[in-house]
N, C-alpha and C. Protein backbone atom coordinates (compact mmCIF):
# COMPACT_ATOMS: atom_id res chain seq x y z
N MET A 1 6.20 -18.53 -14.51
CA MET A 1 6.32 -17.73 -15.71
C MET A 1 4.94 -17.42 -16.26
N ASN A 2 4.79 -16.26 -16.81
CA ASN A 2 3.50 -15.95 -17.39
C ASN A 2 3.68 -15.08 -18.61
N SER A 3 2.73 -15.19 -19.52
CA SER A 3 2.75 -14.38 -20.72
C SER A 3 1.71 -13.30 -20.56
N GLN A 4 2.10 -12.05 -20.74
CA GLN A 4 1.18 -10.94 -20.55
C GLN A 4 1.09 -10.16 -21.83
N THR A 5 -0.05 -9.60 -22.06
CA THR A 5 -0.24 -8.86 -23.30
C THR A 5 -0.65 -7.44 -23.00
N GLY A 6 -0.45 -6.57 -23.95
CA GLY A 6 -0.93 -5.21 -23.77
C GLY A 6 0.07 -4.20 -24.27
N VAL A 7 -0.23 -2.95 -23.98
CA VAL A 7 0.58 -1.84 -24.42
C VAL A 7 1.04 -1.06 -23.21
N SER A 8 2.33 -0.84 -23.10
CA SER A 8 2.83 -0.10 -21.95
C SER A 8 2.60 1.38 -22.14
N THR A 9 2.58 2.10 -21.03
CA THR A 9 2.39 3.54 -21.06
C THR A 9 3.49 4.20 -20.26
N ASN A 10 3.47 5.54 -20.25
CA ASN A 10 4.38 6.31 -19.40
C ASN A 10 5.84 6.03 -19.73
N ASN A 11 6.16 6.12 -21.00
CA ASN A 11 7.53 5.86 -21.44
C ASN A 11 8.31 7.17 -21.45
N VAL A 12 9.48 7.18 -20.83
CA VAL A 12 10.31 8.37 -20.78
C VAL A 12 11.70 8.01 -21.27
N LEU A 13 12.27 8.83 -22.13
CA LEU A 13 13.63 8.57 -22.60
C LEU A 13 14.62 8.82 -21.48
N SER A 14 15.63 7.96 -21.41
CA SER A 14 16.63 8.14 -20.36
C SER A 14 17.62 9.22 -20.76
N ARG A 15 18.27 9.81 -19.74
CA ARG A 15 19.33 10.78 -19.96
C ARG A 15 20.64 10.11 -19.60
N THR A 16 21.68 10.34 -20.39
CA THR A 16 22.90 9.58 -20.17
C THR A 16 24.13 10.45 -19.93
N SER A 17 24.01 11.77 -20.02
CA SER A 17 25.19 12.60 -19.84
C SER A 17 25.64 12.61 -18.38
N VAL A 18 26.93 12.43 -18.16
CA VAL A 18 27.48 12.35 -16.81
C VAL A 18 28.72 13.22 -16.73
N ALA A 19 28.80 14.05 -15.71
CA ALA A 19 29.98 14.89 -15.53
C ALA A 19 31.13 14.01 -15.06
N PRO A 20 32.35 14.28 -15.48
CA PRO A 20 33.48 13.43 -15.10
C PRO A 20 33.86 13.61 -13.65
N LYS A 21 34.53 12.58 -13.11
CA LYS A 21 35.10 12.60 -11.76
C LYS A 21 34.06 12.87 -10.68
N GLN A 22 32.89 12.31 -10.85
CA GLN A 22 31.87 12.42 -9.82
C GLN A 22 31.86 11.15 -8.98
N ASN A 23 31.44 11.29 -7.74
CA ASN A 23 31.18 10.13 -6.93
C ASN A 23 30.05 9.34 -7.58
N VAL A 24 30.15 7.99 -7.53
CA VAL A 24 29.15 7.16 -8.19
C VAL A 24 27.74 7.50 -7.71
N LYS A 25 27.60 7.77 -6.41
CA LYS A 25 26.27 8.06 -5.88
C LYS A 25 25.75 9.41 -6.33
N ASP A 26 26.63 10.25 -6.89
CA ASP A 26 26.20 11.56 -7.37
C ASP A 26 25.80 11.54 -8.84
N ILE A 27 25.96 10.38 -9.48
CA ILE A 27 25.63 10.25 -10.89
C ILE A 27 24.20 9.72 -11.03
N PRO A 28 23.38 10.36 -11.83
CA PRO A 28 22.00 9.86 -12.02
C PRO A 28 21.98 8.49 -12.69
N HIS A 29 21.13 7.63 -12.21
CA HIS A 29 20.94 6.29 -12.77
C HIS A 29 19.45 5.96 -12.74
N TRP A 30 19.11 4.88 -13.43
CA TRP A 30 17.76 4.30 -13.29
C TRP A 30 17.79 3.34 -12.11
N TYR A 31 17.04 3.66 -11.07
CA TYR A 31 16.96 2.80 -9.88
C TYR A 31 15.64 2.03 -9.89
N THR A 32 15.72 0.81 -9.37
CA THR A 32 14.53 -0.02 -9.25
C THR A 32 13.89 0.24 -7.89
N LEU A 33 12.61 0.57 -7.90
CA LEU A 33 11.88 0.83 -6.66
C LEU A 33 10.78 -0.21 -6.49
N ARG A 34 10.50 -0.56 -5.25
CA ARG A 34 9.44 -1.53 -4.98
C ARG A 34 8.46 -0.96 -3.97
N THR A 35 7.25 -1.44 -4.05
CA THR A 35 6.22 -1.03 -3.10
C THR A 35 5.56 -2.27 -2.52
N THR A 36 4.74 -2.05 -1.52
CA THR A 36 3.97 -3.15 -0.95
C THR A 36 2.52 -3.02 -1.37
N TYR A 37 1.84 -4.17 -1.40
CA TYR A 37 0.40 -4.23 -1.62
C TYR A 37 -0.06 -3.55 -2.90
N GLY A 38 0.74 -3.69 -3.97
CA GLY A 38 0.30 -3.19 -5.27
C GLY A 38 0.12 -1.69 -5.35
N ARG A 39 0.94 -0.94 -4.63
CA ARG A 39 0.77 0.52 -4.63
C ARG A 39 1.83 1.23 -5.49
N GLU A 40 2.37 0.50 -6.48
CA GLU A 40 3.39 1.11 -7.34
C GLU A 40 2.83 2.28 -8.15
N LYS A 41 1.57 2.18 -8.58
CA LYS A 41 0.97 3.27 -9.36
C LYS A 41 0.84 4.53 -8.50
N LYS A 42 0.47 4.36 -7.26
CA LYS A 42 0.33 5.50 -6.35
C LYS A 42 1.69 6.16 -6.12
N ALA A 43 2.72 5.36 -5.90
CA ALA A 43 4.06 5.91 -5.68
C ALA A 43 4.58 6.57 -6.96
N TYR A 44 4.35 5.92 -8.10
CA TYR A 44 4.78 6.48 -9.38
C TYR A 44 4.12 7.85 -9.61
N ASP A 45 2.82 7.95 -9.39
CA ASP A 45 2.12 9.22 -9.59
C ASP A 45 2.67 10.31 -8.68
N TYR A 46 3.01 9.93 -7.46
CA TYR A 46 3.55 10.92 -6.52
C TYR A 46 4.91 11.43 -7.00
N LEU A 47 5.78 10.52 -7.43
CA LEU A 47 7.09 10.96 -7.91
C LEU A 47 6.98 11.82 -9.15
N ILE A 48 6.09 11.45 -10.07
CA ILE A 48 5.88 12.26 -11.27
C ILE A 48 5.39 13.66 -10.90
N SER A 49 4.54 13.74 -9.89
CA SER A 49 4.03 15.04 -9.46
C SER A 49 5.13 15.92 -8.89
N LYS A 50 6.23 15.29 -8.48
CA LYS A 50 7.38 16.02 -7.94
C LYS A 50 8.49 16.18 -9.00
N SER A 51 8.12 15.98 -10.27
CA SER A 51 9.01 16.18 -11.42
C SER A 51 10.16 15.17 -11.48
N VAL A 52 9.96 14.00 -10.90
CA VAL A 52 10.94 12.93 -11.01
C VAL A 52 10.68 12.17 -12.31
N VAL A 53 11.73 11.86 -13.07
CA VAL A 53 11.59 11.04 -14.27
C VAL A 53 11.43 9.59 -13.84
N ALA A 54 10.37 8.94 -14.29
CA ALA A 54 10.09 7.57 -13.85
C ALA A 54 9.47 6.77 -14.99
N PHE A 55 9.51 5.45 -14.86
CA PHE A 55 8.93 4.55 -15.85
C PHE A 55 8.15 3.47 -15.11
N TYR A 56 6.87 3.39 -15.45
CA TYR A 56 5.96 2.43 -14.82
C TYR A 56 5.44 1.49 -15.91
N PRO A 57 6.01 0.29 -16.05
CA PRO A 57 5.59 -0.62 -17.11
C PRO A 57 4.18 -1.15 -16.86
N THR A 58 3.31 -0.92 -17.82
CA THR A 58 1.92 -1.35 -17.68
C THR A 58 1.48 -2.12 -18.91
N LEU A 59 0.35 -2.75 -18.79
CA LEU A 59 -0.29 -3.40 -19.93
C LEU A 59 -1.79 -3.19 -19.81
N LYS A 60 -2.44 -3.23 -20.95
CA LYS A 60 -3.89 -3.08 -20.97
C LYS A 60 -4.53 -4.40 -21.40
N SER A 61 -5.56 -4.78 -20.69
CA SER A 61 -6.26 -6.02 -21.01
C SER A 61 -7.76 -5.77 -20.97
N ILE A 62 -8.50 -6.63 -21.65
CA ILE A 62 -9.95 -6.54 -21.68
C ILE A 62 -10.52 -7.52 -20.65
N LYS A 63 -11.37 -7.01 -19.77
CA LYS A 63 -11.97 -7.88 -18.77
C LYS A 63 -13.48 -7.70 -18.76
N LEU A 64 -14.16 -8.75 -18.31
CA LEU A 64 -15.61 -8.69 -18.16
C LEU A 64 -15.95 -8.28 -16.74
N VAL A 65 -16.65 -7.16 -16.60
CA VAL A 65 -17.08 -6.67 -15.30
C VAL A 65 -18.58 -6.42 -15.36
N ASP A 66 -19.33 -7.18 -14.56
CA ASP A 66 -20.80 -7.08 -14.57
C ASP A 66 -21.35 -7.26 -15.98
N GLY A 67 -20.74 -8.20 -16.70
CA GLY A 67 -21.22 -8.51 -18.04
C GLY A 67 -20.78 -7.55 -19.12
N LYS A 68 -19.96 -6.56 -18.76
CA LYS A 68 -19.49 -5.58 -19.75
C LYS A 68 -17.98 -5.72 -19.95
N ARG A 69 -17.56 -5.54 -21.19
CA ARG A 69 -16.14 -5.60 -21.50
C ARG A 69 -15.52 -4.22 -21.28
N ILE A 70 -14.53 -4.17 -20.39
CA ILE A 70 -13.87 -2.90 -20.13
C ILE A 70 -12.36 -3.08 -20.26
N THR A 71 -11.68 -1.98 -20.57
CA THR A 71 -10.22 -2.00 -20.67
C THR A 71 -9.63 -1.66 -19.31
N VAL A 72 -8.75 -2.52 -18.84
CA VAL A 72 -8.13 -2.35 -17.52
C VAL A 72 -6.62 -2.22 -17.69
N GLU A 73 -6.05 -1.21 -17.05
CA GLU A 73 -4.61 -1.04 -17.07
C GLU A 73 -4.02 -1.64 -15.80
N GLU A 74 -3.04 -2.50 -15.98
CA GLU A 74 -2.43 -3.18 -14.85
C GLU A 74 -0.91 -3.06 -14.91
N SER A 75 -0.28 -3.28 -13.79
CA SER A 75 1.18 -3.28 -13.73
C SER A 75 1.71 -4.53 -14.44
N ARG A 76 2.69 -4.34 -15.29
CA ARG A 76 3.30 -5.48 -15.97
C ARG A 76 4.24 -6.24 -15.03
N ILE A 77 4.86 -5.51 -14.09
CA ILE A 77 5.78 -6.12 -13.13
C ILE A 77 5.27 -5.73 -11.74
N PRO A 78 4.43 -6.54 -11.13
CA PRO A 78 3.77 -6.18 -9.87
C PRO A 78 4.74 -5.65 -8.81
N ASN A 79 4.34 -4.53 -8.21
CA ASN A 79 5.06 -3.89 -7.09
C ASN A 79 6.36 -3.23 -7.48
N ILE A 80 6.65 -3.13 -8.78
CA ILE A 80 7.93 -2.59 -9.23
C ILE A 80 7.72 -1.45 -10.22
N PHE A 81 8.53 -0.38 -10.08
CA PHE A 81 8.66 0.62 -11.13
C PHE A 81 10.07 1.20 -11.03
N PHE A 82 10.41 2.14 -11.91
CA PHE A 82 11.78 2.63 -12.01
C PHE A 82 11.79 4.16 -11.98
N ALA A 83 12.83 4.71 -11.36
CA ALA A 83 12.95 6.16 -11.27
C ALA A 83 14.39 6.56 -11.59
N TYR A 84 14.53 7.74 -12.20
CA TYR A 84 15.84 8.22 -12.64
C TYR A 84 16.30 9.37 -11.76
N GLY A 85 17.51 9.28 -11.23
CA GLY A 85 18.05 10.34 -10.40
C GLY A 85 19.28 9.83 -9.67
N THR A 86 19.84 10.65 -8.81
CA THR A 86 20.94 10.19 -7.97
C THR A 86 20.35 9.42 -6.79
N GLU A 87 21.20 8.63 -6.15
CA GLU A 87 20.72 7.86 -5.01
C GLU A 87 20.19 8.79 -3.91
N ASP A 88 20.91 9.89 -3.66
CA ASP A 88 20.47 10.81 -2.61
C ASP A 88 19.15 11.49 -2.96
N GLU A 89 18.97 11.83 -4.25
CA GLU A 89 17.70 12.44 -4.66
C GLU A 89 16.53 11.50 -4.40
N LEU A 90 16.72 10.25 -4.76
CA LEU A 90 15.62 9.29 -4.60
C LEU A 90 15.42 8.87 -3.15
N LYS A 91 16.48 8.98 -2.34
CA LYS A 91 16.34 8.65 -0.92
C LYS A 91 15.32 9.56 -0.24
N THR A 92 15.18 10.80 -0.72
CA THR A 92 14.22 11.71 -0.10
C THR A 92 12.80 11.18 -0.23
N PHE A 93 12.55 10.35 -1.25
CA PHE A 93 11.23 9.75 -1.43
C PHE A 93 11.15 8.37 -0.77
N VAL A 94 12.23 7.61 -0.93
CA VAL A 94 12.24 6.26 -0.35
C VAL A 94 12.11 6.31 1.18
N TYR A 95 12.70 7.35 1.78
CA TYR A 95 12.64 7.48 3.24
C TYR A 95 11.56 8.46 3.71
N ASP A 96 10.65 8.80 2.83
CA ASP A 96 9.54 9.67 3.20
C ASP A 96 8.42 8.81 3.79
N ASN A 97 8.50 8.58 5.09
CA ASN A 97 7.54 7.70 5.74
C ASN A 97 6.19 8.36 6.02
N VAL A 98 6.06 9.63 5.64
CA VAL A 98 4.78 10.30 5.78
C VAL A 98 3.93 10.08 4.53
N ASN A 99 4.51 10.41 3.37
CA ASN A 99 3.76 10.30 2.12
C ASN A 99 3.94 8.96 1.41
N LEU A 100 5.10 8.32 1.64
CA LEU A 100 5.40 7.07 0.91
C LEU A 100 5.95 6.00 1.85
N PRO A 101 5.22 5.64 2.88
CA PRO A 101 5.73 4.63 3.83
C PRO A 101 5.87 3.24 3.21
N PHE A 102 5.28 3.04 2.03
CA PHE A 102 5.28 1.73 1.37
C PHE A 102 6.32 1.64 0.25
N LEU A 103 7.18 2.66 0.10
CA LEU A 103 8.16 2.70 -0.98
C LEU A 103 9.57 2.40 -0.47
N ARG A 104 10.30 1.56 -1.18
CA ARG A 104 11.67 1.22 -0.82
C ARG A 104 12.50 0.98 -2.09
N PHE A 105 13.83 1.04 -1.95
CA PHE A 105 14.69 0.58 -3.02
C PHE A 105 14.56 -0.93 -3.14
N TYR A 106 14.75 -1.44 -4.35
CA TYR A 106 14.92 -2.87 -4.52
C TYR A 106 16.43 -3.12 -4.44
N TYR A 107 16.84 -3.95 -3.49
CA TYR A 107 18.27 -4.14 -3.24
C TYR A 107 18.80 -5.41 -3.89
N ARG A 108 20.05 -5.33 -4.36
CA ARG A 108 20.79 -6.51 -4.77
C ARG A 108 21.85 -6.78 -3.71
N HIS A 109 22.19 -8.04 -3.53
CA HIS A 109 23.16 -8.41 -2.50
C HIS A 109 24.45 -8.88 -3.16
N ILE A 110 25.56 -8.29 -2.75
CA ILE A 110 26.86 -8.61 -3.34
C ILE A 110 27.84 -9.00 -2.25
N HIS A 111 28.82 -9.80 -2.64
CA HIS A 111 29.85 -10.24 -1.69
C HIS A 111 31.02 -9.26 -1.73
N VAL A 112 31.38 -8.74 -0.57
CA VAL A 112 32.54 -7.87 -0.43
C VAL A 112 33.42 -8.53 0.64
N GLY A 113 34.45 -9.23 0.19
CA GLY A 113 35.25 -9.99 1.14
C GLY A 113 34.41 -11.10 1.75
N ASN A 114 34.35 -11.13 3.06
CA ASN A 114 33.55 -12.14 3.75
C ASN A 114 32.16 -11.64 4.11
N LYS A 115 31.86 -10.44 3.67
CA LYS A 115 30.56 -9.85 4.02
C LYS A 115 29.63 -9.80 2.81
N ILE A 116 28.35 -9.80 3.10
CA ILE A 116 27.34 -9.59 2.06
C ILE A 116 26.77 -8.18 2.25
N VAL A 117 26.93 -7.38 1.23
CA VAL A 117 26.49 -5.98 1.30
C VAL A 117 25.30 -5.78 0.36
N LYS A 118 24.33 -5.02 0.77
CA LYS A 118 23.20 -4.75 -0.11
C LYS A 118 23.31 -3.32 -0.66
N GLU A 119 22.95 -3.18 -1.91
CA GLU A 119 22.96 -1.87 -2.54
C GLU A 119 21.76 -1.76 -3.48
N PRO A 120 21.24 -0.55 -3.69
CA PRO A 120 20.08 -0.38 -4.57
C PRO A 120 20.39 -0.89 -5.97
N LEU A 121 19.42 -1.57 -6.57
CA LEU A 121 19.61 -2.13 -7.90
C LEU A 121 19.51 -1.04 -8.96
N VAL A 122 20.59 -0.87 -9.71
CA VAL A 122 20.64 0.09 -10.81
C VAL A 122 20.47 -0.67 -12.12
N VAL A 123 19.62 -0.17 -13.00
CA VAL A 123 19.42 -0.78 -14.31
C VAL A 123 20.18 0.05 -15.35
N PRO A 124 21.12 -0.55 -16.08
CA PRO A 124 21.86 0.20 -17.10
C PRO A 124 20.93 0.82 -18.13
N ASP A 125 21.34 1.97 -18.67
CA ASP A 125 20.51 2.67 -19.65
C ASP A 125 20.13 1.77 -20.82
N SER A 126 21.07 0.96 -21.30
CA SER A 126 20.78 0.12 -22.46
C SER A 126 19.68 -0.89 -22.16
N GLN A 127 19.70 -1.46 -20.95
CA GLN A 127 18.65 -2.40 -20.57
C GLN A 127 17.32 -1.68 -20.37
N MET A 128 17.38 -0.49 -19.80
CA MET A 128 16.14 0.26 -19.59
C MET A 128 15.49 0.62 -20.92
N ASN A 129 16.31 1.06 -21.87
CA ASN A 129 15.76 1.40 -23.19
C ASN A 129 15.14 0.18 -23.86
N SER A 130 15.80 -0.98 -23.75
CA SER A 130 15.25 -2.20 -24.32
C SER A 130 13.97 -2.62 -23.61
N LEU A 131 13.95 -2.48 -22.31
CA LEU A 131 12.75 -2.80 -21.54
C LEU A 131 11.57 -1.95 -22.00
N LYS A 132 11.80 -0.67 -22.22
CA LYS A 132 10.74 0.22 -22.67
C LYS A 132 10.22 -0.18 -24.05
N ILE A 133 11.13 -0.51 -24.96
CA ILE A 133 10.71 -0.90 -26.31
C ILE A 133 9.86 -2.16 -26.27
N ILE A 134 10.30 -3.15 -25.48
CA ILE A 134 9.55 -4.40 -25.38
C ILE A 134 8.17 -4.16 -24.79
N CYS A 135 8.11 -3.35 -23.74
CA CYS A 135 6.83 -3.08 -23.09
C CYS A 135 5.90 -2.27 -23.99
N GLU A 136 6.48 -1.41 -24.81
CA GLU A 136 5.69 -0.53 -25.66
C GLU A 136 5.14 -1.23 -26.89
N ALA A 137 5.80 -2.31 -27.32
CA ALA A 137 5.38 -3.01 -28.53
C ALA A 137 4.00 -3.64 -28.34
N ASP A 138 3.19 -3.53 -29.36
CA ASP A 138 1.84 -4.11 -29.32
C ASP A 138 1.95 -5.59 -29.69
N SER A 139 2.34 -6.39 -28.72
CA SER A 139 2.58 -7.81 -28.97
C SER A 139 1.88 -8.65 -27.91
N ASP A 140 1.27 -9.74 -28.36
CA ASP A 140 0.55 -10.60 -27.41
C ASP A 140 1.39 -11.80 -26.96
N ASP A 141 2.68 -11.78 -27.27
CA ASP A 141 3.50 -12.93 -26.91
C ASP A 141 4.79 -12.53 -26.20
N VAL A 142 4.81 -11.36 -25.58
CA VAL A 142 5.94 -10.98 -24.73
C VAL A 142 5.87 -11.83 -23.46
N VAL A 143 7.01 -12.33 -23.02
CA VAL A 143 7.04 -13.19 -21.84
C VAL A 143 7.82 -12.50 -20.72
N VAL A 144 7.22 -12.47 -19.54
CA VAL A 144 7.89 -11.94 -18.35
C VAL A 144 8.00 -13.07 -17.34
N SER A 145 9.21 -13.29 -16.86
CA SER A 145 9.43 -14.31 -15.85
C SER A 145 10.02 -13.66 -14.61
N THR A 146 9.54 -14.06 -13.46
CA THR A 146 10.07 -13.51 -12.21
C THR A 146 11.39 -14.18 -11.83
N GLU A 147 11.89 -15.05 -12.67
CA GLU A 147 13.16 -15.71 -12.44
C GLU A 147 14.16 -15.30 -13.52
N GLU A 148 15.43 -15.50 -13.23
CA GLU A 148 16.46 -15.28 -14.24
C GLU A 148 16.48 -16.48 -15.18
N VAL A 149 16.28 -16.24 -16.45
CA VAL A 149 16.31 -17.32 -17.44
C VAL A 149 17.74 -17.41 -17.98
N GLU A 150 18.42 -18.50 -17.67
CA GLU A 150 19.84 -18.64 -17.98
C GLU A 150 20.13 -18.47 -19.47
N LYS A 151 19.20 -18.89 -20.33
CA LYS A 151 19.41 -18.77 -21.77
C LYS A 151 19.69 -17.33 -22.18
N PHE A 152 19.08 -16.38 -21.45
CA PHE A 152 19.23 -14.98 -21.80
C PHE A 152 20.33 -14.29 -20.99
N LYS A 153 21.12 -15.07 -20.27
CA LYS A 153 22.29 -14.52 -19.59
C LYS A 153 23.57 -14.93 -20.32
N GLN A 154 23.42 -15.87 -21.25
CA GLN A 154 24.57 -16.39 -21.98
C GLN A 154 24.28 -16.30 -23.48
N GLY A 155 25.26 -16.67 -24.27
CA GLY A 155 25.02 -16.73 -25.71
C GLY A 155 25.37 -15.44 -26.44
N GLN A 156 24.79 -15.29 -27.62
CA GLN A 156 25.14 -14.20 -28.52
C GLN A 156 24.34 -12.93 -28.22
N LYS A 157 25.07 -11.82 -28.04
CA LYS A 157 24.41 -10.55 -27.85
C LYS A 157 24.06 -9.96 -29.21
N VAL A 158 22.83 -9.46 -29.35
CA VAL A 158 22.37 -8.95 -30.63
C VAL A 158 21.60 -7.65 -30.46
N ARG A 159 21.40 -7.00 -31.59
CA ARG A 159 20.54 -5.81 -31.66
C ARG A 159 19.45 -6.10 -32.69
N ILE A 160 18.21 -5.78 -32.36
CA ILE A 160 17.11 -5.95 -33.31
C ILE A 160 17.08 -4.73 -34.22
N ILE A 161 17.10 -4.94 -35.53
CA ILE A 161 17.24 -3.84 -36.49
C ILE A 161 15.98 -3.59 -37.29
N ASP A 162 14.92 -4.38 -37.06
CA ASP A 162 13.68 -4.17 -37.81
C ASP A 162 12.52 -4.74 -37.01
N GLY A 163 11.31 -4.33 -37.38
CA GLY A 163 10.12 -4.84 -36.71
C GLY A 163 9.73 -4.04 -35.49
N LYS A 164 8.70 -4.50 -34.80
CA LYS A 164 8.15 -3.76 -33.67
C LYS A 164 9.09 -3.69 -32.47
N PHE A 165 10.12 -4.54 -32.45
CA PHE A 165 11.09 -4.53 -31.35
C PHE A 165 12.41 -3.87 -31.76
N LYS A 166 12.41 -3.14 -32.83
CA LYS A 166 13.62 -2.50 -33.33
C LYS A 166 14.27 -1.64 -32.24
N GLY A 167 15.58 -1.83 -32.06
CA GLY A 167 16.32 -1.07 -31.05
C GLY A 167 16.64 -1.87 -29.80
N VAL A 168 15.95 -2.99 -29.60
CA VAL A 168 16.22 -3.82 -28.42
C VAL A 168 17.59 -4.46 -28.54
N MET A 169 18.36 -4.42 -27.45
CA MET A 169 19.64 -5.12 -27.38
C MET A 169 19.57 -6.14 -26.25
N GLY A 170 19.95 -7.36 -26.56
CA GLY A 170 19.91 -8.41 -25.55
C GLY A 170 20.51 -9.68 -26.08
N MET A 171 20.20 -10.78 -25.43
CA MET A 171 20.72 -12.07 -25.84
C MET A 171 19.65 -12.82 -26.64
N VAL A 172 20.06 -13.43 -27.74
CA VAL A 172 19.12 -14.19 -28.56
C VAL A 172 19.13 -15.64 -28.10
N ALA A 173 17.95 -16.24 -28.01
CA ALA A 173 17.85 -17.63 -27.58
C ALA A 173 16.50 -18.18 -28.04
N ARG A 174 16.43 -19.50 -28.11
CA ARG A 174 15.17 -20.16 -28.39
C ARG A 174 14.47 -20.40 -27.06
N TYR A 175 13.27 -19.86 -26.94
CA TYR A 175 12.55 -19.90 -25.65
C TYR A 175 11.07 -19.99 -25.94
N HIS A 176 10.38 -20.90 -25.25
CA HIS A 176 8.97 -21.17 -25.53
C HIS A 176 8.78 -21.50 -27.01
N SER A 177 9.72 -22.30 -27.54
CA SER A 177 9.68 -22.85 -28.90
C SER A 177 9.87 -21.81 -30.00
N GLN A 178 10.33 -20.61 -29.66
CA GLN A 178 10.54 -19.59 -30.68
C GLN A 178 11.83 -18.83 -30.41
N GLN A 179 12.42 -18.28 -31.47
CA GLN A 179 13.60 -17.43 -31.31
C GLN A 179 13.17 -16.07 -30.79
N ARG A 180 13.77 -15.67 -29.67
CA ARG A 180 13.42 -14.41 -29.03
C ARG A 180 14.70 -13.70 -28.58
N VAL A 181 14.55 -12.43 -28.25
CA VAL A 181 15.65 -11.67 -27.66
C VAL A 181 15.20 -11.23 -26.27
N GLY A 182 16.03 -11.52 -25.28
CA GLY A 182 15.63 -11.23 -23.92
C GLY A 182 16.69 -10.47 -23.14
N ILE A 183 16.26 -9.83 -22.06
CA ILE A 183 17.16 -9.17 -21.14
C ILE A 183 16.85 -9.66 -19.73
N VAL A 184 17.91 -9.79 -18.94
CA VAL A 184 17.76 -10.21 -17.55
C VAL A 184 18.12 -9.04 -16.65
N ILE A 185 17.13 -8.53 -15.92
CA ILE A 185 17.38 -7.47 -14.95
C ILE A 185 17.87 -8.15 -13.68
N ASP A 186 19.12 -7.91 -13.35
CA ASP A 186 19.85 -8.65 -12.33
C ASP A 186 19.05 -8.94 -11.08
N GLY A 187 18.81 -10.22 -10.83
CA GLY A 187 18.17 -10.65 -9.59
C GLY A 187 16.70 -10.33 -9.49
N LEU A 188 16.10 -9.78 -10.56
CA LEU A 188 14.71 -9.31 -10.46
C LEU A 188 13.77 -10.07 -11.38
N PHE A 189 14.01 -10.00 -12.70
CA PHE A 189 13.13 -10.68 -13.64
C PHE A 189 13.80 -10.76 -15.00
N THR A 190 13.20 -11.57 -15.88
CA THR A 190 13.61 -11.67 -17.27
C THR A 190 12.42 -11.29 -18.14
N ILE A 191 12.67 -10.50 -19.18
CA ILE A 191 11.61 -10.17 -20.14
C ILE A 191 12.16 -10.42 -21.53
N CYS A 192 11.34 -11.02 -22.38
CA CYS A 192 11.81 -11.29 -23.74
C CYS A 192 10.74 -10.96 -24.75
N THR A 193 11.18 -10.69 -25.96
CA THR A 193 10.30 -10.33 -27.05
C THR A 193 9.47 -11.52 -27.49
N ALA A 194 8.52 -11.26 -28.37
CA ALA A 194 7.88 -12.34 -29.12
C ALA A 194 8.88 -12.83 -30.17
N TYR A 195 8.44 -13.69 -31.06
CA TYR A 195 9.31 -14.26 -32.09
C TYR A 195 9.98 -13.16 -32.91
N VAL A 196 11.29 -13.31 -33.11
CA VAL A 196 12.05 -12.39 -33.94
C VAL A 196 12.80 -13.19 -35.00
N PRO A 197 12.55 -12.95 -36.30
CA PRO A 197 13.26 -13.69 -37.34
C PRO A 197 14.74 -13.33 -37.39
N SER A 198 15.55 -14.26 -37.85
CA SER A 198 17.01 -14.03 -37.89
C SER A 198 17.38 -12.82 -38.73
N ALA A 199 16.59 -12.53 -39.76
CA ALA A 199 16.88 -11.39 -40.62
C ALA A 199 16.73 -10.06 -39.90
N PHE A 200 16.08 -10.06 -38.74
CA PHE A 200 15.83 -8.83 -37.98
C PHE A 200 16.87 -8.57 -36.92
N VAL A 201 17.88 -9.43 -36.80
CA VAL A 201 18.87 -9.25 -35.74
C VAL A 201 20.28 -9.17 -36.33
N GLU A 202 21.13 -8.42 -35.65
CA GLU A 202 22.54 -8.36 -36.01
C GLU A 202 23.37 -8.57 -34.75
N SER A 203 24.50 -9.23 -34.91
CA SER A 203 25.35 -9.52 -33.77
C SER A 203 26.06 -8.28 -33.28
N ILE A 204 26.28 -8.21 -31.98
CA ILE A 204 27.05 -7.13 -31.36
C ILE A 204 28.32 -7.74 -30.80
N ILE A 205 29.45 -7.25 -31.24
CA ILE A 205 30.71 -7.79 -30.76
C ILE A 205 31.11 -7.12 -29.46
């Protein structure tokens, strides 16, 4: 687990309108994409250049280079970014072994009968919106864990109604000695806010 600080960039609002009676694969979703060797920024830039809606969570930190303090932008979730579209639309990039040989879907594995089937990981709009708010907040105590934190998979679901994390929906729990609201992106990672006072949250039934 690590605590990262900074301000995220490249925030795009999700689109949620869906035509009725469509095949699931024909409906646009937020898909999780992964790259190798830290090339998520390169893949993100390429998709943006092709008018794909995408979100690349970043943070800015101050580092000393040759005795000088410089601002460095880094990936908040190494090798991972998100793109919005239908599965077939994004497959044209995922399977583009000429321009993007290092890009793939991030797959989740599910049990279907006696078989284990893999399918691209889709992030619900509500979780994506909360992820963007948390990443965008100027907070030095946001926590990102590469594991699923059970506390944020159970318990009371809430909405933050005030403060820098206003609009986040997730599970409230005490974590790292403070009350926080977190979301668990299935099988991938957990991200949670800094301290949130009880007066800033309301329960969601």
